Amino acid sequence: MPPIDRAVTRREFARRAALGAASATLLPFGGLATADGAQPARAAEALAAQAPADAPKLSAQSQAEAESRWKSIVDQYSDRFTEAQKTDLKRLCIFVQPSLDRIRAYTIGNGALPGLYLKPLVDRDKKPVAPVPSAKSVPTAKSAASTKSAPSTAPAKP
């Protein structure tokens, strides 16, 4: 990729970002839904045929989403999984879908406050606790007084 010779201004960056976002909405996306809605129905039928017996009942859109999630994971990491792991991964994608549907059903507005306020823990530098001296090593008032009152007869060191 050749280096860019001129700098991009904020206005030009914003214009390019807006055009890119607008053009992305115009592109057809064949992942989950199509104009006639046939793809989710086909994916739902295929997933229902391969689903485990105790699988939850999912709508056609939810089944298509679970199938597309499984396909994207397998496409990206297919060399890392064995066939048994791929089957287990498909089961997990199916079983997590009802939870995702319940979370997505919850409506949130811009004015909604968070359900839990996060209070960060601040680690303050604390003074280390001095070890409590034992009774044997603590001089008593009498012994401290006796050591101070006794004059030293040793000669002073030069």
Protein backbone atom coordinates (compact mmCIF):
# COMPACT_ATOMS: atom_id res chain seq x y z
CA MET A 1 0.00 0.00 0.00
CA PRO A 2 1.55 3.33 -1.02
CA PRO A 3 2.03 5.93 1.71
CA ILE A 4 -0.41 8.85 1.81
CA ASP A 5 1.26 12.11 0.90
CA ARG A 6 -1.23 14.51 2.44
CA ALA A 7 -2.92 14.60 5.82
CA VAL A 8 -6.63 13.97 6.17
CA THR A 9 -8.56 16.75 7.84
CA ARG A 10 -11.25 16.08 10.41
CA ARG A 11 -13.93 17.33 8.05
CA GLU A 12 -12.74 15.08 5.23
CA PHE A 13 -12.53 12.10 7.58
CA ALA A 14 -16.08 12.71 8.82
CA ARG A 15 -17.34 13.02 5.25
CA ARG A 16 -15.67 9.74 4.23
CA ALA A 17 -16.96 7.95 7.33
CA ALA A 18 -20.52 9.15 6.67
CA LEU A 19 -20.35 8.08 3.02
CA GLY A 20 -18.94 4.69 3.99
CA ALA A 21 -21.68 4.11 6.55
CA ALA A 22 -24.38 5.20 4.13
CA SER A 23 -23.07 2.96 1.37
CA ALA A 24 -22.86 0.00 3.76
CA THR A 25 -26.60 0.24 4.40
CA LEU A 26 -27.31 0.10 0.67
CA LEU A 27 -25.32 -3.09 0.05
CA PRO A 28 -27.32 -6.32 0.11
CA PHE A 29 -26.51 -8.63 2.98
CA GLY A 30 -27.17 -12.29 2.39
CA GLY A 31 -26.36 -13.44 5.93
CA LEU A 32 -29.60 -13.66 7.89
CA ALA A 33 -32.43 -12.29 5.82
CA THR A 34 -33.30 -11.84 2.17
CA ALA A 35 -36.08 -9.95 0.47
CA ASP A 36 -38.36 -12.99 0.23
CA GLY A 37 -37.38 -14.47 3.59
CA ALA A 38 -36.63 -17.87 2.04
CA GLN A 39 -33.12 -18.21 3.41
CA PRO A 40 -34.08 -18.14 7.12
CA ALA A 41 -36.76 -20.74 6.46
CA ARG A 42 -34.31 -23.06 4.69
CA ALA A 43 -31.72 -22.59 7.43
CA ALA A 44 -34.37 -23.27 10.07
CA GLU A 45 -35.38 -26.50 8.37
CA ALA A 46 -31.76 -27.66 8.06
CA LEU A 47 -31.03 -26.77 11.68
CA ALA A 48 -34.17 -28.50 12.94
CA ALA A 49 -33.16 -31.67 11.13
CA GLN A 50 -29.72 -31.68 12.79
CA ALA A 51 -30.72 -30.31 16.20
CA PRO A 52 -30.52 -32.53 19.28
CA ALA A 53 -33.74 -33.98 20.68
CA ASP A 54 -33.76 -31.70 23.75
CA ALA A 55 -33.10 -28.53 21.72
CA PRO A 56 -35.19 -25.46 22.59
CA LYS A 57 -37.95 -24.33 20.25
CA LEU A 58 -36.59 -21.43 18.20
CA SER A 59 -38.19 -19.14 15.66
CA ALA A 60 -37.01 -19.33 12.07
CA GLN A 61 -34.96 -16.16 12.48
CA SER A 62 -33.32 -17.42 15.69
CA GLN A 63 -32.52 -20.77 14.09
CA ALA A 64 -30.98 -19.00 11.10
CA GLU A 65 -28.91 -16.81 13.41
CA ALA A 66 -27.66 -19.81 15.40
CA GLU A 67 -26.77 -21.57 12.15
CA SER A 68 -24.92 -18.54 10.79
CA ARG A 69 -23.02 -18.14 14.07
CA TRP A 70 -21.97 -21.80 13.92
CA LYS A 71 -20.94 -21.49 10.26
CA SER A 72 -18.86 -18.37 10.88
CA ILE A 73 -17.03 -20.03 13.78
CA VAL A 74 -16.40 -23.21 11.80
CA ASP A 75 -15.29 -21.25 8.72
CA GLN A 76 -12.85 -19.23 10.77
CA TYR A 77 -11.45 -22.03 12.97
CA SER A 78 -12.26 -25.23 11.07
CA ASP A 79 -8.73 -26.61 11.33
CA ARG A 80 -8.81 -26.43 15.14
CA PHE A 81 -11.95 -28.53 15.72
CA THR A 82 -12.60 -32.24 15.41
CA GLU A 83 -15.96 -33.45 14.13
CA ALA A 84 -17.15 -34.16 17.68
CA GLN A 85 -16.18 -30.65 18.75
CA LYS A 86 -18.00 -29.16 15.75
CA THR A 87 -21.15 -31.07 16.72
CA ASP A 88 -20.84 -29.87 20.31
CA LEU A 89 -20.26 -26.31 19.09
CA LYS A 90 -23.45 -26.48 17.04
CA ARG A 91 -25.35 -27.70 20.10
CA LEU A 92 -23.96 -24.80 22.15
CA CYS A 93 -24.94 -22.27 19.47
CA ILE A 94 -28.49 -23.62 19.53
CA PHE A 95 -28.75 -23.61 23.33
CA VAL A 96 -27.41 -20.07 23.77
CA GLN A 97 -29.90 -18.57 21.30
CA PRO A 98 -32.92 -18.29 23.69
CA SER A 99 -30.78 -16.31 26.14
CA LEU A 100 -29.69 -13.96 23.37
CA ASP A 101 -33.29 -13.52 22.26
CA ARG A 102 -34.36 -12.57 25.81
CA ILE A 103 -31.53 -10.05 26.08
CA ARG A 104 -32.39 -8.50 22.72
CA ALA A 105 -36.06 -8.25 23.67
CA TYR A 106 -35.22 -5.87 26.51
CA THR A 107 -35.80 -2.31 25.29
CA ILE A 108 -33.24 0.31 26.19
CA GLY A 109 -33.52 4.01 25.47
CA ASN A 110 -30.85 6.66 25.45
CA GLY A 111 -32.12 8.01 28.76
CA ALA A 112 -32.09 4.64 30.51
CA LEU A 113 -29.77 4.46 33.48
CA PRO A 114 -27.52 1.46 33.98
CA GLY A 115 -28.90 -1.29 36.16
CA LEU A 116 -25.67 -1.50 38.10
CA TYR A 117 -23.37 1.39 38.81
CA LEU A 118 -19.77 0.37 38.54
CA LYS A 119 -17.69 1.63 41.40
CA PRO A 120 -14.02 1.16 40.68
CA LEU A 121 -11.86 -0.02 43.51
CA VAL A 122 -9.03 2.35 44.27
CA ASP A 123 -5.96 0.77 45.74
CA ARG A 124 -4.56 3.22 48.18
CA ASP A 125 -1.00 2.99 49.39
CA LYS A 126 -1.32 1.87 52.94
CA LYS A 127 1.40 1.99 55.51
CA PRO A 128 2.63 -1.50 56.27
CA VAL A 129 1.52 -2.76 59.64
CA ALA A 130 4.45 -2.95 62.05
CA PRO A 131 4.77 -6.35 63.68
CA VAL A 132 3.72 -6.42 67.31
CA PRO A 133 6.80 -7.12 69.45
CA SER A 134 6.57 -10.03 71.81
CA ALA A 135 6.73 -9.63 75.62
CA LYS A 136 10.25 -11.08 75.81
CA SER A 137 11.82 -8.56 73.44
CA VAL A 138 10.09 -5.48 74.86
CA PRO A 139 12.13 -3.87 77.62
CA THR A 140 10.09 -2.92 80.64
CA ALA A 141 10.28 0.51 82.20
CA LYS A 142 12.41 -0.77 85.12
CA SER A 143 14.97 -2.53 82.92
CA ALA A 144 15.19 0.47 80.59
CA ALA A 145 15.77 2.78 83.54
CA SER A 146 18.45 0.51 85.02
CA THR A 147 20.42 0.40 81.77
CA LYS A 148 20.32 4.19 81.43
CA SER A 149 21.34 4.95 85.02
CA ALA A 150 24.37 2.68 85.06
CA PRO A 151 27.40 4.70 83.94
CA SER A 152 29.70 3.08 81.47
CA THR A 153 33.28 2.58 82.67
CA ALA A 154 34.59 1.57 79.27
CA PRO A 155 37.02 4.00 77.67
CA ALA A 156 35.65 6.15 74.87
CA LYS A 157 36.59 5.10 71.37
CA PRO A 158 38.60 7.65 69.42
